[in-house]
């Protein structure tokens, strides 16, 4: 009888032990969302970064993540405009969004006057790419694609920007 009660006591103590060893409870991971925040085509085709793509990187997790690498391509009106393929470290705060602007390498054969023309008016854009993130579970590759219409134009002049409550 004594053996039976000792074995029940041992069984009662040993069952919860493995369940209590999970650090910080159960970790749940969800891939970050990558969306296009804006595209800028400079009016000066000779500038050092004539085409910029800004990405919003949204981390839905309750722990920070960071990017390792970003690759993307941009088309405007079905014309391949540029690509990006670089190592890039951006910290994504827990349950937050980070925005990063990335200069693209122009595609071969894009005429300067065509690029300048794309900087004004409404144009159809397509961005496709992949971002790599470091997570507590290793590196994750997240593909993204977005398309739509964007209105391009010169920035507002200082005279047309309201400065106070009366405009």
N, C-alpha and C. Protein backbone atom coordinates (compact mmCIF):
# COMPACT_ATOMS: atom_id res chain seq x y z
N UNK A 1 0.80 -1.19 0.00
CA UNK A 1 0.00 0.00 0.00
C UNK A 1 0.85 1.25 0.00
N UNK A 2 1.86 1.18 0.78
CA UNK A 2 2.73 2.35 0.83
C UNK A 2 3.37 2.62 -0.53
N UNK A 3 3.72 1.58 -1.27
CA UNK A 3 4.31 1.73 -2.59
C UNK A 3 3.32 2.40 -3.56
N UNK A 4 2.06 2.04 -3.49
CA UNK A 4 1.03 2.60 -4.37
C UNK A 4 0.86 4.09 -4.10
N UNK A 5 0.88 4.52 -2.85
CA UNK A 5 0.70 5.94 -2.57
C UNK A 5 1.94 6.74 -2.96
N UNK A 6 3.12 6.16 -2.83
CA UNK A 6 4.34 6.84 -3.28
C UNK A 6 4.37 6.98 -4.80
N UNK A 7 3.93 5.97 -5.52
CA UNK A 7 3.94 6.05 -6.98
C UNK A 7 2.92 7.07 -7.46
N UNK A 8 1.76 7.17 -6.76
CA UNK A 8 0.78 8.20 -7.13
C UNK A 8 1.33 9.60 -6.87
N UNK A 9 2.03 9.77 -5.76
CA UNK A 9 2.64 11.05 -5.44
C UNK A 9 3.69 11.42 -6.48
N UNK A 10 4.52 10.46 -6.86
CA UNK A 10 5.54 10.71 -7.89
C UNK A 10 4.88 11.08 -9.22
N UNK A 11 3.82 10.37 -9.58
CA UNK A 11 3.11 10.64 -10.82
C UNK A 11 2.47 12.03 -10.78
N UNK A 12 1.90 12.42 -9.66
CA UNK A 12 1.25 13.73 -9.54
C UNK A 12 2.27 14.86 -9.62
N UNK A 13 3.47 14.66 -9.13
CA UNK A 13 4.51 15.69 -9.16
C UNK A 13 5.20 15.75 -10.52
N UNK A 14 5.36 14.63 -11.20
CA UNK A 14 6.13 14.60 -12.44
C UNK A 14 5.32 15.03 -13.67
N UNK A 15 4.02 14.91 -13.65
CA UNK A 15 3.22 15.29 -14.82
C UNK A 15 3.27 16.80 -15.07
N UNK A 16 3.05 17.67 -14.08
CA UNK A 16 3.08 19.11 -14.36
C UNK A 16 4.47 19.66 -14.67
N UNK A 17 5.53 18.96 -14.29
CA UNK A 17 6.88 19.50 -14.49
C UNK A 17 7.19 19.83 -15.95
N UNK A 18 6.98 18.93 -16.92
CA UNK A 18 7.26 19.30 -18.31
C UNK A 18 6.36 20.40 -18.81
N UNK A 19 5.14 20.46 -18.32
CA UNK A 19 4.23 21.51 -18.77
C UNK A 19 4.67 22.87 -18.26
N UNK A 20 5.32 22.93 -17.12
CA UNK A 20 5.75 24.19 -16.55
C UNK A 20 7.09 24.66 -17.09
N UNK A 21 7.74 23.90 -17.94
CA UNK A 21 9.06 24.26 -18.45
C UNK A 21 9.02 25.10 -19.72
N UNK A 22 7.86 25.38 -20.26
CA UNK A 22 7.77 26.19 -21.48
C UNK A 22 8.08 27.64 -21.12
N UNK A 23 9.20 28.20 -21.65
CA UNK A 23 9.55 29.57 -21.26
C UNK A 23 8.56 30.58 -21.83
N UNK A 24 8.08 31.42 -20.96
CA UNK A 24 7.18 32.52 -21.33
C UNK A 24 5.92 32.04 -22.04
N UNK A 25 5.48 30.86 -21.75
CA UNK A 25 4.26 30.35 -22.37
C UNK A 25 4.53 29.89 -23.80
N UNK A 26 3.50 29.81 -24.59
CA UNK A 26 3.62 29.35 -25.97
C UNK A 26 3.87 30.56 -26.87
N UNK A 27 4.94 30.51 -27.66
CA UNK A 27 5.24 31.59 -28.59
C UNK A 27 4.46 31.37 -29.87
N UNK A 28 3.83 32.42 -30.32
CA UNK A 28 3.10 32.37 -31.57
C UNK A 28 3.78 33.34 -32.52
N UNK A 29 4.01 32.90 -33.75
CA UNK A 29 4.65 33.76 -34.74
C UNK A 29 3.70 33.99 -35.89
N UNK A 30 3.65 35.24 -36.35
CA UNK A 30 2.89 35.61 -37.54
C UNK A 30 3.81 36.44 -38.43
N UNK A 31 3.83 36.12 -39.73
CA UNK A 31 4.69 36.87 -40.65
C UNK A 31 4.33 38.34 -40.67
N UNK A 32 5.33 39.22 -40.77
CA UNK A 32 5.06 40.65 -40.91
C UNK A 32 4.36 40.93 -42.24
N UNK A 33 3.60 42.01 -42.27
CA UNK A 33 2.96 42.47 -43.51
C UNK A 33 3.87 43.51 -44.15
N UNK A 34 4.07 43.41 -45.44
CA UNK A 34 4.90 44.36 -46.19
C UNK A 34 4.00 45.01 -47.23
N UNK A 35 3.86 46.35 -47.14
CA UNK A 35 3.04 47.07 -48.09
C UNK A 35 3.79 48.30 -48.60
N UNK A 36 3.42 48.75 -49.78
CA UNK A 36 4.03 49.93 -50.37
C UNK A 36 3.39 51.17 -49.75
N UNK A 37 4.21 52.02 -49.14
CA UNK A 37 3.72 53.26 -48.55
C UNK A 37 3.67 54.36 -49.59
N UNK A 38 4.72 54.44 -50.42
CA UNK A 38 4.77 55.45 -51.48
C UNK A 38 5.89 55.12 -52.45
N UNK A 39 5.80 55.73 -53.61
CA UNK A 39 6.83 55.63 -54.63
C UNK A 39 7.15 57.06 -55.05
N UNK A 40 8.43 57.37 -55.14
CA UNK A 40 8.83 58.71 -55.58
C UNK A 40 9.74 58.58 -56.78
N UNK A 41 9.39 59.29 -57.83
CA UNK A 41 10.23 59.39 -59.02
C UNK A 41 10.71 60.82 -59.08
N UNK A 42 12.03 61.02 -58.94
CA UNK A 42 12.59 62.37 -58.93
C UNK A 42 12.45 63.04 -60.29
N UNK A 43 12.28 64.34 -60.26
CA UNK A 43 12.14 65.08 -61.51
C UNK A 43 13.50 65.25 -62.19
N UNK A 44 14.58 65.03 -61.45
CA UNK A 44 15.93 65.13 -62.00
C UNK A 44 16.47 63.72 -62.19
N UNK A 45 16.57 63.27 -63.41
CA UNK A 45 17.01 61.91 -63.68
C UNK A 45 18.48 61.71 -63.34
N UNK A 46 19.22 62.77 -63.06
CA UNK A 46 20.62 62.64 -62.74
C UNK A 46 20.87 62.60 -61.23
N UNK A 47 19.82 62.67 -60.40
CA UNK A 47 20.03 62.64 -58.96
C UNK A 47 20.57 61.27 -58.55
N UNK A 48 21.14 61.21 -57.34
CA UNK A 48 21.76 59.96 -56.90
C UNK A 48 20.73 58.87 -56.65
N UNK A 49 19.50 59.22 -56.34
CA UNK A 49 18.43 58.25 -56.13
C UNK A 49 17.17 58.73 -56.83
N UNK A 50 17.10 58.55 -58.15
CA UNK A 50 15.95 59.08 -58.87
C UNK A 50 14.64 58.36 -58.57
N UNK A 51 14.71 57.10 -58.08
CA UNK A 51 13.49 56.35 -57.78
C UNK A 51 13.61 55.77 -56.37
N UNK A 52 12.62 56.09 -55.52
CA UNK A 52 12.57 55.56 -54.16
C UNK A 52 11.25 54.82 -53.96
N UNK A 53 11.31 53.70 -53.27
CA UNK A 53 10.11 52.98 -52.85
C UNK A 53 10.14 52.92 -51.33
N UNK A 54 9.07 53.37 -50.69
CA UNK A 54 8.95 53.30 -49.24
C UNK A 54 8.03 52.14 -48.89
N UNK A 55 8.50 51.28 -48.01
CA UNK A 55 7.72 50.13 -47.57
C UNK A 55 7.33 50.29 -46.11
N UNK A 56 6.08 49.93 -45.79
CA UNK A 56 5.65 49.82 -44.41
C UNK A 56 5.82 48.36 -44.01
N UNK A 57 6.57 48.12 -42.93
CA UNK A 57 6.80 46.78 -42.42
C UNK A 57 6.07 46.68 -41.09
N UNK A 58 4.99 45.91 -41.05
CA UNK A 58 4.15 45.83 -39.85
C UNK A 58 4.39 44.50 -39.14
N UNK A 59 4.81 44.59 -37.88
CA UNK A 59 5.08 43.42 -37.06
C UNK A 59 3.87 43.16 -36.15
N UNK A 60 3.13 42.07 -36.38
CA UNK A 60 1.97 41.79 -35.54
C UNK A 60 2.31 41.03 -34.25
N UNK A 61 3.58 40.67 -34.08
CA UNK A 61 4.00 39.86 -32.94
C UNK A 61 4.27 40.70 -31.70
N UNK A 62 4.24 40.07 -30.54
CA UNK A 62 4.49 40.79 -29.29
C UNK A 62 5.96 40.73 -28.88
N UNK A 63 6.84 40.61 -29.87
CA UNK A 63 8.28 40.67 -29.67
C UNK A 63 8.88 41.29 -30.93
N UNK A 64 10.02 41.99 -30.80
CA UNK A 64 10.60 42.66 -31.97
C UNK A 64 11.19 41.68 -32.97
N UNK A 65 11.21 42.09 -34.22
CA UNK A 65 11.85 41.36 -35.32
C UNK A 65 12.79 42.33 -36.03
N UNK A 66 13.60 41.83 -36.95
CA UNK A 66 14.40 42.73 -37.78
C UNK A 66 14.57 42.12 -39.17
N UNK A 67 14.73 43.01 -40.14
CA UNK A 67 14.97 42.54 -41.51
C UNK A 67 16.43 42.14 -41.65
N UNK A 68 16.68 41.27 -42.59
CA UNK A 68 18.04 40.86 -42.94
C UNK A 68 18.34 41.27 -44.37
N UNK A 69 17.34 41.13 -45.24
CA UNK A 69 17.53 41.38 -46.66
C UNK A 69 16.20 41.80 -47.28
N UNK A 70 16.28 42.68 -48.28
CA UNK A 70 15.09 43.10 -49.03
C UNK A 70 15.42 43.03 -50.51
N UNK A 71 14.51 42.45 -51.27
CA UNK A 71 14.61 42.41 -52.73
C UNK A 71 13.26 42.86 -53.28
N UNK A 72 13.30 43.74 -54.29
CA UNK A 72 12.04 44.14 -54.91
C UNK A 72 12.28 44.68 -56.31
N UNK A 73 11.21 44.70 -57.08
CA UNK A 73 11.26 45.32 -58.41
C UNK A 73 10.02 46.20 -58.56
N UNK A 74 10.18 47.25 -59.37
CA UNK A 74 9.11 48.23 -59.59
C UNK A 74 8.86 48.36 -61.08
N UNK A 75 7.58 48.32 -61.44
CA UNK A 75 7.14 48.63 -62.80
C UNK A 75 6.17 49.79 -62.71
N UNK A 76 6.30 50.73 -63.64
CA UNK A 76 5.35 51.82 -63.78
C UNK A 76 4.79 51.75 -65.19
N UNK A 77 3.47 51.68 -65.30
CA UNK A 77 2.82 51.53 -66.61
C UNK A 77 3.43 50.39 -67.40
N UNK A 78 3.65 49.25 -66.75
CA UNK A 78 4.22 48.03 -67.34
C UNK A 78 5.65 48.18 -67.83
N UNK A 79 6.32 49.25 -67.46
CA UNK A 79 7.72 49.46 -67.82
C UNK A 79 8.59 49.12 -66.61
N UNK A 80 9.50 48.13 -66.73
CA UNK A 80 10.41 47.85 -65.61
C UNK A 80 11.28 49.07 -65.35
N UNK A 81 11.15 49.65 -64.15
CA UNK A 81 11.85 50.88 -63.82
C UNK A 81 13.11 50.62 -63.01
N UNK A 82 13.03 49.74 -62.03
CA UNK A 82 14.20 49.50 -61.20
C UNK A 82 14.06 48.30 -60.30
N UNK A 83 15.20 47.96 -59.68
CA UNK A 83 15.28 46.82 -58.77
C UNK A 83 16.08 47.19 -57.54
N UNK A 84 15.90 46.42 -56.52
CA UNK A 84 16.69 46.54 -55.31
C UNK A 84 16.99 45.13 -54.83
N UNK A 85 18.23 44.90 -54.45
CA UNK A 85 18.65 43.60 -53.95
C UNK A 85 19.78 43.89 -52.96
N UNK A 86 19.43 44.05 -51.67
CA UNK A 86 20.46 44.44 -50.72
C UNK A 86 20.19 43.89 -49.33
N UNK A 87 21.28 43.72 -48.59
CA UNK A 87 21.17 43.42 -47.18
C UNK A 87 20.71 44.71 -46.50
N UNK A 88 19.77 44.58 -45.60
CA UNK A 88 19.22 45.76 -44.94
C UNK A 88 18.72 45.36 -43.56
N UNK A 89 19.16 46.08 -42.54
CA UNK A 89 18.71 45.80 -41.19
C UNK A 89 17.81 46.92 -40.70
N UNK A 90 16.57 46.57 -40.45
CA UNK A 90 15.59 47.50 -39.90
C UNK A 90 14.91 46.77 -38.75
N UNK A 91 14.89 47.39 -37.58
CA UNK A 91 14.24 46.79 -36.42
C UNK A 91 12.75 47.11 -36.47
N UNK A 92 11.94 46.09 -36.32
CA UNK A 92 10.49 46.25 -36.26
C UNK A 92 10.07 46.10 -34.81
N UNK A 93 9.54 47.17 -34.22
CA UNK A 93 9.13 47.07 -32.82
C UNK A 93 7.98 46.09 -32.66
N UNK A 94 7.82 45.59 -31.45
CA UNK A 94 6.72 44.65 -31.21
C UNK A 94 5.39 45.34 -31.46
N UNK A 95 4.54 44.64 -32.19
CA UNK A 95 3.21 45.13 -32.56
C UNK A 95 3.26 46.55 -33.09
N UNK A 96 4.22 46.84 -33.97
CA UNK A 96 4.38 48.18 -34.52
C UNK A 96 4.72 48.14 -36.00
N UNK A 97 4.84 49.31 -36.58
CA UNK A 97 5.13 49.46 -38.00
C UNK A 97 6.36 50.34 -38.18
N UNK A 98 7.25 49.92 -39.06
CA UNK A 98 8.42 50.71 -39.44
C UNK A 98 8.32 51.01 -40.92
N UNK A 99 8.69 52.21 -41.30
CA UNK A 99 8.70 52.59 -42.72
C UNK A 99 10.14 52.80 -43.14
N UNK A 100 10.49 52.22 -44.27
CA UNK A 100 11.85 52.34 -44.78
C UNK A 100 11.78 52.75 -46.24
N UNK A 101 12.59 53.77 -46.62
CA UNK A 101 12.67 54.22 -48.02
C UNK A 101 13.91 53.60 -48.65
N UNK A 102 13.73 53.00 -49.81
CA UNK A 102 14.81 52.28 -50.46
C UNK A 102 15.06 52.83 -51.86
N UNK A 103 16.30 53.22 -52.15
CA UNK A 103 16.61 53.69 -53.51
C UNK A 103 16.78 52.50 -54.45
N UNK A 104 16.17 52.59 -55.61
CA UNK A 104 16.26 51.50 -56.58
C UNK A 104 17.39 51.74 -57.57
N UNK A 105 17.93 50.65 -58.06
CA UNK A 105 18.88 50.71 -59.17
C UNK A 105 18.05 50.71 -60.45
N UNK A 106 18.27 51.71 -61.28
CA UNK A 106 17.46 51.83 -62.50
C UNK A 106 17.69 50.65 -63.43
N UNK A 107 16.62 50.23 -64.07
CA UNK A 107 16.71 49.16 -65.06
C UNK A 107 17.46 49.67 -66.28
N UNK A 108 18.16 48.78 -66.92
CA UNK A 108 18.90 49.15 -68.13
C UNK A 108 17.90 49.53 -69.23
N UNK A 109 18.23 50.58 -69.94
CA UNK A 109 17.40 50.98 -71.07
C UNK A 109 16.24 51.89 -70.75
N UNK A 110 16.13 52.37 -69.50
CA UNK A 110 15.07 53.32 -69.19
C UNK A 110 15.56 54.70 -69.60
N UNK A 111 14.97 55.30 -70.65
CA UNK A 111 15.43 56.62 -71.08
C UNK A 111 15.14 57.69 -70.02
N UNK A 112 16.05 58.62 -69.87
CA UNK A 112 15.92 59.68 -68.86
C UNK A 112 14.63 60.47 -69.07
N UNK A 113 14.28 60.77 -70.32
CA UNK A 113 13.08 61.58 -70.54
C UNK A 113 11.82 60.78 -70.19
N UNK A 114 11.84 59.47 -70.37
CA UNK A 114 10.69 58.63 -69.98
C UNK A 114 10.55 58.59 -68.45
N UNK A 115 11.69 58.51 -67.76
CA UNK A 115 11.67 58.50 -66.30
C UNK A 115 11.12 59.83 -65.76
N UNK A 116 11.55 60.93 -66.35
CA UNK A 116 11.05 62.25 -65.93
C UNK A 116 9.54 62.35 -66.18
N UNK A 117 9.06 61.80 -67.30
CA UNK A 117 7.63 61.83 -67.62
C UNK A 117 6.83 61.00 -66.61
N UNK A 118 7.42 59.93 -66.08
CA UNK A 118 6.72 59.10 -65.10
C UNK A 118 6.59 59.80 -63.75
N UNK A 119 7.33 60.88 -63.54
CA UNK A 119 7.29 61.60 -62.28
C UNK A 119 6.10 62.52 -62.13
N UNK A 120 5.24 62.60 -63.14
CA UNK A 120 4.08 63.49 -63.11
C UNK A 120 2.86 62.72 -63.64
N UNK A 121 1.72 62.94 -63.02
CA UNK A 121 0.48 62.33 -63.49
C UNK A 121 0.14 61.06 -62.72
N UNK A 122 -0.87 60.35 -63.21
CA UNK A 122 -1.31 59.11 -62.58
C UNK A 122 -0.73 57.95 -63.38
N UNK A 123 -0.07 57.04 -62.66
CA UNK A 123 0.57 55.89 -63.31
C UNK A 123 0.25 54.62 -62.53
N UNK A 124 0.17 53.53 -63.23
CA UNK A 124 -0.06 52.20 -62.64
C UNK A 124 1.27 51.67 -62.14
N UNK A 125 1.32 51.23 -60.88
CA UNK A 125 2.55 50.67 -60.35
C UNK A 125 2.35 49.20 -59.99
N UNK A 126 3.43 48.43 -60.07
CA UNK A 126 3.47 47.05 -59.61
C UNK A 126 4.78 46.86 -58.88
N UNK A 127 4.70 46.44 -57.64
CA UNK A 127 5.89 46.14 -56.84
C UNK A 127 5.79 44.68 -56.42
N UNK A 128 6.85 43.92 -56.67
CA UNK A 128 6.95 42.54 -56.20
C UNK A 128 8.28 42.39 -55.49
N UNK A 129 8.30 41.55 -54.48
CA UNK A 129 9.55 41.38 -53.78
C UNK A 129 9.50 40.33 -52.70
N UNK A 130 10.59 40.34 -51.93
CA UNK A 130 10.76 39.40 -50.84
C UNK A 130 11.57 40.07 -49.75
N UNK A 131 11.18 39.86 -48.52
CA UNK A 131 11.94 40.37 -47.37
C UNK A 131 12.27 39.19 -46.47
N UNK A 132 13.48 39.22 -45.91
CA UNK A 132 13.89 38.18 -44.97
C UNK A 132 13.96 38.81 -43.58
N UNK A 133 13.38 38.11 -42.61
CA UNK A 133 13.31 38.60 -41.24
C UNK A 133 13.98 37.61 -40.29
N UNK A 134 14.65 38.13 -39.27
CA UNK A 134 15.15 37.27 -38.20
C UNK A 134 14.06 37.20 -37.14
N UNK A 135 13.80 35.99 -36.68
CA UNK A 135 12.78 35.73 -35.68
C UNK A 135 13.38 34.83 -34.61
N UNK A 136 12.70 34.63 -33.50
CA UNK A 136 13.20 33.67 -32.51
C UNK A 136 13.24 32.24 -33.04
N UNK A 137 12.61 32.01 -34.20
CA UNK A 137 12.54 30.67 -34.78
C UNK A 137 13.43 30.51 -36.00
N UNK A 138 14.29 31.51 -36.27
CA UNK A 138 15.16 31.46 -37.44
C UNK A 138 14.77 32.51 -38.46
N UNK A 139 15.33 32.40 -39.65
CA UNK A 139 15.06 33.37 -40.72
C UNK A 139 13.78 32.98 -41.45
N UNK A 140 12.92 33.97 -41.67
CA UNK A 140 11.68 33.77 -42.42
C UNK A 140 11.71 34.63 -43.67
N UNK A 141 11.31 34.07 -44.80
CA UNK A 141 11.21 34.81 -46.06
C UNK A 141 9.74 35.11 -46.33
N UNK A 142 9.45 36.39 -46.52
CA UNK A 142 8.07 36.83 -46.74
C UNK A 142 8.00 37.48 -48.12
N UNK A 143 7.18 36.91 -48.97
CA UNK A 143 6.96 37.49 -50.31
C UNK A 143 5.85 38.52 -50.22
N UNK A 144 5.97 39.54 -51.09
CA UNK A 144 4.92 40.57 -51.13
C UNK A 144 4.76 41.04 -52.56
N UNK A 145 3.57 41.52 -52.86
CA UNK A 145 3.25 42.07 -54.17
C UNK A 145 2.10 43.05 -53.98
N UNK A 146 2.19 44.14 -54.70
CA UNK A 146 1.14 45.15 -54.61
C UNK A 146 1.09 45.91 -55.93
N UNK A 147 -0.11 46.27 -56.33
CA UNK A 147 -0.27 47.09 -57.52
C UNK A 147 -1.41 48.06 -57.31
N UNK A 148 -1.39 49.10 -58.10
CA UNK A 148 -2.44 50.11 -57.99
C UNK A 148 -2.06 51.34 -58.78
N UNK A 149 -2.83 52.39 -58.61
CA UNK A 149 -2.57 53.66 -59.28
C UNK A 149 -2.00 54.65 -58.27
N UNK A 150 -1.00 55.40 -58.70
CA UNK A 150 -0.40 56.44 -57.87
C UNK A 150 -0.40 57.74 -58.64
N UNK A 151 -0.63 58.82 -57.91
CA UNK A 151 -0.55 60.15 -58.51
C UNK A 151 0.82 60.72 -58.19
N UNK A 152 1.56 61.04 -59.21
CA UNK A 152 2.88 61.63 -59.07
C UNK A 152 2.79 63.10 -59.43
N UNK A 153 3.62 63.88 -58.83
CA UNK A 153 3.65 65.29 -59.15
C UNK A 153 4.65 65.99 -58.27
N UNK A 154 4.86 67.26 -58.55
CA UNK A 154 5.81 68.01 -57.73
C UNK A 154 5.28 68.18 -56.32
N UNK A 155 6.17 68.27 -55.34
CA UNK A 155 5.71 68.51 -53.97
C UNK A 155 5.05 69.87 -53.88
N UNK A 156 4.14 70.05 -52.91
CA UNK A 156 3.47 71.35 -52.79
C UNK A 156 4.47 72.45 -52.49
N UNK A 157 4.24 73.61 -53.08
CA UNK A 157 5.13 74.73 -52.81
C UNK A 157 4.86 75.27 -51.42
N UNK A 158 5.84 75.90 -50.79
CA UNK A 158 5.63 76.41 -49.43
C UNK A 158 4.48 77.40 -49.34
N UNK A 159 4.19 78.14 -50.40
CA UNK A 159 3.11 79.13 -50.38
C UNK A 159 1.74 78.47 -50.32
N UNK A 160 1.61 77.20 -50.81
CA UNK A 160 0.31 76.56 -50.85
C UNK A 160 0.05 75.68 -49.64
N UNK A 161 1.02 75.54 -48.73
CA UNK A 161 0.84 74.73 -47.54
C UNK A 161 0.28 75.59 -46.42
N UNK A 162 -0.86 75.17 -45.83
CA UNK A 162 -1.42 75.95 -44.73
C UNK A 162 -0.45 76.00 -43.55
N UNK A 163 -0.32 77.14 -42.92
CA UNK A 163 0.62 77.29 -41.82
C UNK A 163 -0.04 77.49 -40.48
N UNK A 164 -1.30 77.78 -40.43
CA UNK A 164 -1.95 78.03 -39.15
C UNK A 164 -3.40 77.68 -39.19
N UNK A 165 -4.15 78.02 -38.13
CA UNK A 165 -5.56 77.64 -38.09
C UNK A 165 -6.40 78.35 -39.14
N UNK A 166 -5.94 79.49 -39.65
CA UNK A 166 -6.70 80.21 -40.67
C UNK A 166 -6.19 79.91 -42.08
N UNK A 167 -5.23 79.00 -42.15
CA UNK A 167 -4.80 78.51 -43.44
C UNK A 167 -3.77 79.26 -44.10
